[in-house]
Amino acid sequence: MADLFVEWPKMQCESCGEYEANVHLTHVVNGMTREIHVCEECAGKNGININGAMSLTDILVGLGALEEAEDGGGKACPFCRLTAAELRKGSRPGCAVCYETFGAELKIILADMQKGTKHVGKVPGVKAVVVRSVPTENMERQLADAVAREDFEAAARIRDEIRNSKASEELEKKS
């Protein structure tokens, strides 16, 4: 029975190197995996609350994953005065100018939150109901008039137009 339990080697904290790493985080962005192993003390110093709920942004900011996007640390939006530090701590952009000012930081934050940095939308789950168009109804009246006048060439042409129109409507229903 003792053979079932394997004792893994103890890891040292990557931050301080003094204590055993007992907080293990795995961060995956665009298929690239980064593992971080720190002690409870260093995790606390970097803003990671291991006893409560935490956001991904808090974890990444605390561990310095967003440092590469930082421009001197004192960067601020010239319009609303939001700072880069506030943005990385979880604040939302305060104005349209923030998107220009913090473009690089926002791309990293968005890439961590979702599959990409562009919104592609969703396909509706329920198919739309296609109502017969007024031109089709008008063509059916024209067909009846052509038959009544015994203008069979015009009736055949109108009949073909109605069929094409109905076929188009069916294709729209299926897609």
Protein backbone atom coordinates (compact mmCIF):
# COMPACT_ATOMS: atom_id res chain seq x y z
CA MET A 1 0.00 0.00 0.00
CA ALA A 2 2.90 2.35 0.71
CA ASP A 3 3.99 2.00 -2.94
CA LEU A 4 0.90 3.90 -4.09
CA PHE A 5 1.98 7.16 -2.51
CA VAL A 6 4.95 8.83 -4.11
CA GLU A 7 6.57 11.72 -2.28
CA TRP A 8 7.48 14.41 -4.74
CA PRO A 9 10.62 16.45 -4.22
CA LYS A 10 10.01 19.71 -2.36
CA MET A 11 10.31 22.82 -4.48
CA GLN A 12 11.89 26.06 -3.34
CA CYS A 13 10.06 29.37 -3.68
CA GLU A 14 10.95 31.00 -7.01
CA SER A 15 10.67 34.45 -5.45
CA CYS A 16 12.71 34.28 -2.25
CA GLY A 17 14.44 30.89 -2.56
CA GLU A 18 14.29 30.39 1.22
CA TYR A 19 11.06 28.52 1.90
CA GLU A 20 9.22 25.58 0.40
CA ALA A 21 6.92 26.52 -2.49
CA ASN A 22 3.39 25.53 -1.54
CA VAL A 23 1.44 27.87 -3.82
CA HIS A 24 1.51 26.61 -7.40
CA LEU A 25 -0.04 28.54 -10.27
CA THR A 26 -0.25 27.60 -13.93
CA HIS A 27 -0.79 30.37 -16.48
CA VAL A 28 -1.61 29.49 -20.12
CA VAL A 29 -1.68 32.18 -22.84
CA ASN A 30 -1.87 31.32 -26.56
CA GLY A 31 -0.72 27.77 -25.89
CA MET A 32 2.32 28.88 -23.85
CA THR A 33 2.32 27.52 -20.30
CA ARG A 34 4.06 29.25 -17.40
CA GLU A 35 4.21 27.63 -13.98
CA ILE A 36 4.89 29.69 -10.89
CA HIS A 37 5.84 28.17 -7.54
CA VAL A 38 6.05 30.45 -4.48
CA CYS A 39 5.79 30.19 -0.71
CA GLU A 40 2.77 31.51 1.18
CA GLU A 41 4.71 34.52 2.41
CA CYS A 42 5.80 35.63 -1.07
CA ALA A 43 2.32 34.94 -2.41
CA GLY A 44 0.90 37.26 0.26
CA LYS A 45 3.51 39.95 -0.48
CA ASN A 46 2.51 39.83 -4.16
CA GLY A 47 -1.19 40.26 -3.43
CA ILE A 48 -2.31 36.66 -3.70
CA ASN A 49 -4.86 35.80 -1.02
CA ILE A 50 -4.73 32.02 -0.78
CA ASN A 51 -7.57 31.92 1.75
CA GLY A 52 -10.16 33.78 -0.32
CA ALA A 53 -11.42 34.34 -3.85
CA MET A 54 -9.04 36.04 -6.25
CA SER A 55 -9.15 37.24 -9.81
CA LEU A 56 -6.75 36.20 -12.53
CA THR A 57 -5.72 39.83 -13.01
CA ASP A 58 -4.75 40.10 -9.33
CA ILE A 59 -2.61 36.98 -9.60
CA LEU A 60 -0.84 38.10 -12.77
CA VAL A 61 -0.25 41.64 -11.55
CA GLY A 62 1.09 40.38 -8.23
CA LEU A 63 3.55 38.07 -9.93
CA GLY A 64 4.70 40.61 -12.49
CA ALA A 65 3.36 38.92 -15.62
CA LEU A 66 2.29 42.28 -17.00
CA GLU A 67 5.62 44.05 -16.41
CA GLU A 68 6.59 43.72 -20.06
CA ALA A 69 3.71 46.02 -21.05
CA GLU A 70 4.57 48.65 -18.44
CA ASP A 71 6.07 51.92 -19.65
CA GLY A 72 7.96 53.34 -16.70
CA GLY A 73 5.13 52.70 -14.23
CA GLY A 74 3.97 56.34 -14.22
CA LYS A 75 1.89 56.10 -17.37
CA ALA A 76 -1.54 57.73 -17.08
CA CYS A 77 -4.40 58.58 -19.40
CA PRO A 78 -4.16 62.27 -20.32
CA PHE A 79 -7.95 62.64 -20.30
CA CYS A 80 -9.31 60.77 -17.25
CA ARG A 81 -5.99 60.35 -15.36
CA LEU A 82 -6.36 56.56 -14.89
CA THR A 83 -2.89 55.15 -14.19
CA ALA A 84 -1.37 51.98 -15.60
CA ALA A 85 -1.09 50.59 -12.07
CA GLU A 86 -4.82 51.11 -11.46
CA LEU A 87 -5.65 49.41 -14.77
CA ARG A 88 -3.49 46.38 -13.93
CA LYS A 89 -5.09 46.10 -10.49
CA GLY A 90 -8.48 45.53 -12.10
CA SER A 91 -9.87 48.98 -12.89
CA ARG A 92 -11.72 49.37 -16.14
CA PRO A 93 -10.70 51.93 -18.75
CA GLY A 94 -12.29 55.25 -17.80
CA CYS A 95 -12.67 56.79 -21.26
CA ALA A 96 -12.04 56.24 -24.96
CA VAL A 97 -8.55 57.74 -24.71
CA CYS A 98 -7.59 54.95 -22.26
CA TYR A 99 -7.82 52.43 -25.11
CA GLU A 100 -5.21 54.38 -27.06
CA THR A 101 -3.01 55.09 -24.03
CA PHE A 102 -3.00 51.54 -22.63
CA GLY A 103 -3.30 49.55 -25.88
CA ALA A 104 -0.46 47.13 -25.10
CA GLU A 105 -1.60 46.50 -21.52
CA LEU A 106 -5.20 45.92 -22.60
CA LYS A 107 -4.16 43.39 -25.25
CA ILE A 108 -2.37 41.30 -22.61
CA ILE A 109 -5.28 41.55 -20.17
CA LEU A 110 -7.81 40.60 -22.89
CA ALA A 111 -5.68 37.69 -24.09
CA ASP A 112 -5.68 36.33 -20.54
CA MET A 113 -9.46 36.68 -20.19
CA GLN A 114 -10.65 35.24 -23.50
CA LYS A 115 -9.56 33.40 -26.62
CA GLY A 116 -8.45 36.48 -28.53
CA THR A 117 -8.33 40.24 -28.56
CA LYS A 118 -11.13 40.74 -31.11
CA HIS A 119 -14.83 40.14 -30.55
CA VAL A 120 -16.19 37.92 -33.32
CA GLY A 121 -19.77 37.65 -32.05
CA LYS A 122 -22.00 34.64 -31.82
CA VAL A 123 -24.29 32.82 -34.22
CA PRO A 124 -27.91 32.84 -33.02
CA GLY A 125 -29.12 29.46 -31.81
CA VAL A 126 -32.65 29.86 -33.17
CA LYS A 127 -33.15 30.10 -36.90
CA ALA A 128 -34.95 33.18 -38.09
CA VAL A 129 -38.38 32.77 -39.60
CA VAL A 130 -38.51 34.04 -43.17
CA VAL A 131 -41.79 35.71 -44.01
CA ARG A 132 -42.89 35.58 -47.62
CA SER A 133 -41.92 38.77 -49.29
CA VAL A 134 -44.37 41.19 -50.86
CA PRO A 135 -42.73 40.90 -54.31
CA THR A 136 -43.57 37.14 -54.35
CA GLU A 137 -47.22 37.91 -53.59
CA ASN A 138 -47.25 40.54 -56.35
CA MET A 139 -45.74 38.04 -58.80
CA GLU A 140 -48.49 35.52 -57.95
CA ARG A 141 -51.13 38.16 -58.76
CA GLN A 142 -49.32 38.96 -62.02
CA LEU A 143 -49.27 35.23 -62.82
CA ALA A 144 -53.02 34.96 -62.26
CA ASP A 145 -53.61 38.02 -64.46
CA ALA A 146 -51.37 36.61 -67.24
CA VAL A 147 -53.25 33.30 -67.17
CA ALA A 148 -56.58 35.14 -67.24
CA ARG A 149 -55.37 37.11 -70.31
CA GLU A 150 -54.12 33.83 -71.81
CA ASP A 151 -50.59 35.29 -72.10
CA PHE A 152 -48.89 31.98 -71.45
CA GLU A 153 -45.35 33.13 -72.30
CA ALA A 154 -45.52 35.87 -69.64
CA ALA A 155 -47.17 33.40 -67.23
CA ALA A 156 -44.31 30.89 -67.72
CA ARG A 157 -41.70 33.62 -67.12
CA ILE A 158 -43.48 34.83 -63.95
CA ARG A 159 -43.91 31.22 -62.77
CA ASP A 160 -40.13 30.67 -63.11
CA GLU A 161 -39.42 33.90 -61.20
CA ILE A 162 -41.72 32.74 -58.37
CA ARG A 163 -39.94 29.37 -58.19
CA ASN A 164 -36.53 31.07 -58.03
CA SER A 165 -37.76 33.43 -55.34
CA LYS A 166 -39.18 30.57 -53.24
CA ALA A 167 -35.95 28.58 -53.67
CA SER A 168 -33.98 31.59 -52.40
CA GLU A 169 -36.29 31.89 -49.39
CA GLU A 170 -35.78 28.17 -48.62
CA LEU A 171 -32.01 28.56 -48.77
CA GLU A 172 -32.22 31.52 -46.36
CA LYS A 173 -34.27 29.40 -43.94
CA LYS A 174 -31.65 26.64 -43.95
CA SER A 175 -28.68 28.93 -43.35
